[in-house]
């Protein structure tokens, strides 16, 4: 076995994303036909750089999907304006287009949520972590 092959075997794969952002729409719980549940959360995440022309801070809007129990917790404890930290993974989905071409899209699937600024009237106690 050559050195290159040996080096490749030592690498471990990791699919993990950490995101901190502000929820911009109230999450709602969606019950699926199979009995499971999910919610999609839209997050606003400011970029490090500013718009070159207006010098305004530009934000990205990302959608993060949560499933089952964690989805229920997100809907219960998160409101529009809540800042959250999310540990997630990326999944890819293959989509067949009308012109018979195939496109791939990435889905952010939340695995853990840290509620950073939940309002006192919504949650008693400190930081709540949902897994």
C-alpha atoms as a PDB file:
ATOM      1  CA  UNK A   1       0.000   0.000   0.000  1.00  0.00           C
ATOM      2  CA  UNK A   2       1.424   3.376  -1.018  1.00  0.00           C
ATOM      3  CA  UNK A   3       1.773   6.398   1.239  1.00  0.00           C
ATOM      4  CA  UNK A   4      -1.174   8.190  -0.389  1.00  0.00           C
ATOM      5  CA  UNK A   5      -3.531   5.248   0.194  1.00  0.00           C
ATOM      6  CA  UNK A   6      -2.326   4.926   3.780  1.00  0.00           C
ATOM      7  CA  UNK A   7      -2.934   8.641   4.425  1.00  0.00           C
ATOM      8  CA  UNK A   8      -6.459   8.464   2.981  1.00  0.00           C
ATOM      9  CA  UNK A   9      -7.416   5.634   5.344  1.00  0.00           C
ATOM     10  CA  UNK A  10      -6.505   7.777   8.365  1.00  0.00           C
ATOM     11  CA  UNK A  11      -9.053  10.508   7.553  1.00  0.00           C
ATOM     12  CA  UNK A  12     -12.410  10.358   9.286  1.00  0.00           C
ATOM     13  CA  UNK A  13     -15.478  11.877   7.666  1.00  0.00           C
ATOM     14  CA  UNK A  14     -17.457  14.533   9.505  1.00  0.00           C
ATOM     15  CA  UNK A  15     -20.796  16.042   8.547  1.00  0.00           C
ATOM     16  CA  UNK A  16     -21.463  18.756  11.091  1.00  0.00           C
ATOM     17  CA  UNK A  17     -22.566  22.384  10.835  1.00  0.00           C
ATOM     18  CA  UNK A  18     -22.859  24.954  13.627  1.00  0.00           C
ATOM     19  CA  UNK A  19     -25.159  27.903  12.983  1.00  0.00           C
ATOM     20  CA  UNK A  20     -26.137  30.845  15.191  1.00  0.00           C
ATOM     21  CA  UNK A  21     -28.947  33.036  13.940  1.00  0.00           C
ATOM     22  CA  UNK A  22     -32.207  34.797  14.669  1.00  0.00           C
ATOM     23  CA  UNK A  23     -35.544  33.153  13.860  1.00  0.00           C
ATOM     24  CA  UNK A  24     -37.443  35.378  11.415  1.00  0.00           C
ATOM     25  CA  UNK A  25     -40.774  33.496  11.185  1.00  0.00           C
ATOM     26  CA  UNK A  26     -42.803  31.729  13.848  1.00  0.00           C
ATOM     27  CA  UNK A  27     -42.102  27.955  13.537  1.00  0.00           C
ATOM     28  CA  UNK A  28     -45.127  25.681  13.100  1.00  0.00           C
ATOM     29  CA  UNK A  29     -45.355  21.937  13.631  1.00  0.00           C
ATOM     30  CA  UNK A  30     -46.196  19.790  10.614  1.00  0.00           C
ATOM     31  CA  UNK A  31     -47.619  16.317  11.253  1.00  0.00           C
ATOM     32  CA  UNK A  32     -46.581  13.828   8.572  1.00  0.00           C
ATOM     33  CA  UNK A  33     -48.670  10.916   7.264  1.00  0.00           C
ATOM     34  CA  UNK A  34     -46.352   8.381   8.945  1.00  0.00           C
ATOM     35  CA  UNK A  35     -47.042   9.881  12.392  1.00  0.00           C
ATOM     36  CA  UNK A  36     -43.758  11.775  12.648  1.00  0.00           C
ATOM     37  CA  UNK A  37     -43.533  15.537  12.885  1.00  0.00           C
ATOM     38  CA  UNK A  38     -41.237  18.246  11.558  1.00  0.00           C
ATOM     39  CA  UNK A  39     -40.757  21.978  11.490  1.00  0.00           C
ATOM     40  CA  UNK A  40     -38.710  24.284   9.317  1.00  0.00           C
ATOM     41  CA  UNK A  41     -37.071  27.310  10.881  1.00  0.00           C
ATOM     42  CA  UNK A  42     -35.969  30.334   8.850  1.00  0.00           C
ATOM     43  CA  UNK A  43     -32.857  31.937  10.316  1.00  0.00           C
ATOM     44  CA  UNK A  44     -31.296  35.296   9.543  1.00  0.00           C
ATOM     45  CA  UNK A  45     -27.516  35.150   9.803  1.00  0.00           C
ATOM     46  CA  UNK A  46     -25.486  38.342   9.241  1.00  0.00           C
ATOM     47  CA  UNK A  47     -22.460  38.027   6.986  1.00  0.00           C
ATOM     48  CA  UNK A  48     -19.054  39.174   8.117  1.00  0.00           C
ATOM     49  CA  UNK A  49     -18.742  41.483   5.099  1.00  0.00           C
ATOM     50  CA  UNK A  50     -20.929  44.459   4.202  1.00  0.00           C
ATOM     51  CA  UNK A  51     -22.607  45.241   0.893  1.00  0.00           C
ATOM     52  CA  UNK A  52     -19.980  47.022  -1.206  1.00  0.00           C
ATOM     53  CA  UNK A  53     -22.321  49.702  -2.561  1.00  0.00           C
ATOM     54  CA  UNK A  54     -24.571  50.552   0.374  1.00  0.00           C
ATOM     55  CA  UNK A  55     -22.194  49.417   3.160  1.00  0.00           C
ATOM     56  CA  UNK A  56     -25.210  47.773   4.838  1.00  0.00           C
ATOM     57  CA  UNK A  57     -24.812  44.517   6.690  1.00  0.00           C
ATOM     58  CA  UNK A  58     -26.065  41.679   4.497  1.00  0.00           C
ATOM     59  CA  UNK A  59     -27.783  38.666   6.029  1.00  0.00           C
ATOM     60  CA  UNK A  60     -28.243  35.186   4.666  1.00  0.00           C
ATOM     61  CA  UNK A  61     -31.557  33.422   5.172  1.00  0.00           C
ATOM     62  CA  UNK A  62     -31.133  29.700   5.868  1.00  0.00           C
ATOM     63  CA  UNK A  63     -33.843  27.107   6.460  1.00  0.00           C
ATOM     64  CA  UNK A  64     -33.167  24.406   9.032  1.00  0.00           C
ATOM     65  CA  UNK A  65     -35.385  21.330   9.344  1.00  0.00           C
ATOM     66  CA  UNK A  66     -36.073  19.653  12.693  1.00  0.00           C
ATOM     67  CA  UNK A  67     -37.798  16.317  13.142  1.00  0.00           C
ATOM     68  CA  UNK A  68     -39.920  14.616  15.789  1.00  0.00           C
ATOM     69  CA  UNK A  69     -39.321  15.531  19.465  1.00  0.00           C
ATOM     70  CA  UNK A  70     -36.808  18.277  18.772  1.00  0.00           C
ATOM     71  CA  UNK A  71     -39.263  19.808  16.267  1.00  0.00           C
ATOM     72  CA  UNK A  72     -41.939  19.883  18.968  1.00  0.00           C
ATOM     73  CA  UNK A  73     -39.534  21.575  21.414  1.00  0.00           C
ATOM     74  CA  UNK A  74     -38.499  24.170  18.836  1.00  0.00           C
ATOM     75  CA  UNK A  75     -42.136  25.054  18.117  1.00  0.00           C
ATOM     76  CA  UNK A  76     -42.930  25.257  21.842  1.00  0.00           C
ATOM     77  CA  UNK A  77     -39.958  27.362  22.974  1.00  0.00           C
ATOM     78  CA  UNK A  78     -38.919  29.412  19.925  1.00  0.00           C
ATOM     79  CA  UNK A  79     -40.658  32.530  18.759  1.00  0.00           C
ATOM     80  CA  UNK A  80     -39.936  34.980  15.983  1.00  0.00           C
ATOM     81  CA  UNK A  81     -36.880  36.966  17.103  1.00  0.00           C
ATOM     82  CA  UNK A  82     -35.358  34.191  19.240  1.00  0.00           C
ATOM     83  CA  UNK A  83     -31.621  33.737  18.776  1.00  0.00           C
ATOM     84  CA  UNK A  84     -30.588  30.087  18.633  1.00  0.00           C
ATOM     85  CA  UNK A  85     -27.446  28.046  18.200  1.00  0.00           C
ATOM     86  CA  UNK A  86     -27.948  24.925  16.093  1.00  0.00           C
ATOM     87  CA  UNK A  87     -25.790  21.848  15.661  1.00  0.00           C
ATOM     88  CA  UNK A  88     -26.827  20.237  12.396  1.00  0.00           C
ATOM     89  CA  UNK A  89     -25.795  17.989   9.548  1.00  0.00           C
ATOM     90  CA  UNK A  90     -26.232  18.394   5.805  1.00  0.00           C
ATOM     91  CA  UNK A  91     -28.300  15.999   3.729  1.00  0.00           C
ATOM     92  CA  UNK A  92     -28.548  16.096  -0.033  1.00  0.00           C
ATOM     93  CA  UNK A  93     -31.703  15.536  -2.005  1.00  0.00           C
ATOM     94  CA  UNK A  94     -31.944  14.666  -5.684  1.00  0.00           C
ATOM     95  CA  UNK A  95     -34.647  16.522  -7.625  1.00  0.00           C
ATOM     96  CA  UNK A  96     -35.833  15.596 -11.123  1.00  0.00           C
ATOM     97  CA  UNK A  97     -36.657  18.792 -13.017  1.00  0.00           C
ATOM     98  CA  UNK A  98     -39.340  19.239 -15.675  1.00  0.00           C
ATOM     99  CA  UNK A  99     -36.687  19.250 -18.410  1.00  0.00           C
ATOM    100  CA  UNK A 100     -35.568  15.769 -17.186  1.00  0.00           C
ATOM    101  CA  UNK A 101     -32.311  17.077 -15.693  1.00  0.00           C
ATOM    102  CA  UNK A 102     -31.295  16.213 -12.160  1.00  0.00           C
ATOM    103  CA  UNK A 103     -30.490  18.862  -9.569  1.00  0.00           C
ATOM    104  CA  UNK A 104     -29.165  18.373  -6.057  1.00  0.00           C
ATOM    105  CA  UNK A 105     -30.027  20.536  -3.092  1.00  0.00           C
ATOM    106  CA  UNK A 106     -28.641  20.525   0.427  1.00  0.00           C
ATOM    107  CA  UNK A 107     -30.887  20.354   3.471  1.00  0.00           C
ATOM    108  CA  UNK A 108     -29.791  21.508   6.918  1.00  0.00           C
ATOM    109  CA  UNK A 109     -31.108  18.977   9.461  1.00  0.00           C
ATOM    110  CA  UNK A 110     -30.974  20.234  13.046  1.00  0.00           C
ATOM    111  CA  UNK A 111     -29.826  17.776  15.710  1.00  0.00           C
ATOM    112  CA  UNK A 112     -29.435  20.045  18.739  1.00  0.00           C
ATOM    113  CA  UNK A 113     -30.699  23.527  19.625  1.00  0.00           C
ATOM    114  CA  UNK A 114     -29.429  25.953  22.241  1.00  0.00           C
ATOM    115  CA  UNK A 115     -31.939  28.692  22.992  1.00  0.00           C
ATOM    116  CA  UNK A 116     -29.822  31.781  23.541  1.00  0.00           C
ATOM    117  CA  UNK A 117     -32.320  34.558  24.293  1.00  0.00           C
ATOM    118  CA  UNK A 118     -35.689  33.015  25.084  1.00  0.00           C
ATOM    119  CA  UNK A 119     -37.876  35.648  26.779  1.00  0.00           C
ATOM    120  CA  UNK A 120     -38.515  35.168  30.505  1.00  0.00           C
ATOM    121  CA  UNK A 121     -42.270  35.021  29.993  1.00  0.00           C
ATOM    122  CA  UNK A 122     -41.773  32.123  27.557  1.00  0.00           C
ATOM    123  CA  UNK A 123     -39.230  30.116  29.546  1.00  0.00           C
ATOM    124  CA  UNK A 124     -38.314  30.073  33.210  1.00  0.00           C
ATOM    125  CA  UNK A 125     -34.696  29.301  33.948  1.00  0.00           C
ATOM    126  CA  UNK A 126     -31.424  29.681  32.111  1.00  0.00           C
ATOM    127  CA  UNK A 127     -30.363  28.414  28.742  1.00  0.00           C
ATOM    128  CA  UNK A 128     -32.393  25.421  27.597  1.00  0.00           C
ATOM    129  CA  UNK A 129     -30.714  22.861  25.354  1.00  0.00           C
ATOM    130  CA  UNK A 130     -32.847  20.488  23.312  1.00  0.00           C
ATOM    131  CA  UNK A 131     -31.501  17.285  21.767  1.00  0.00           C
END
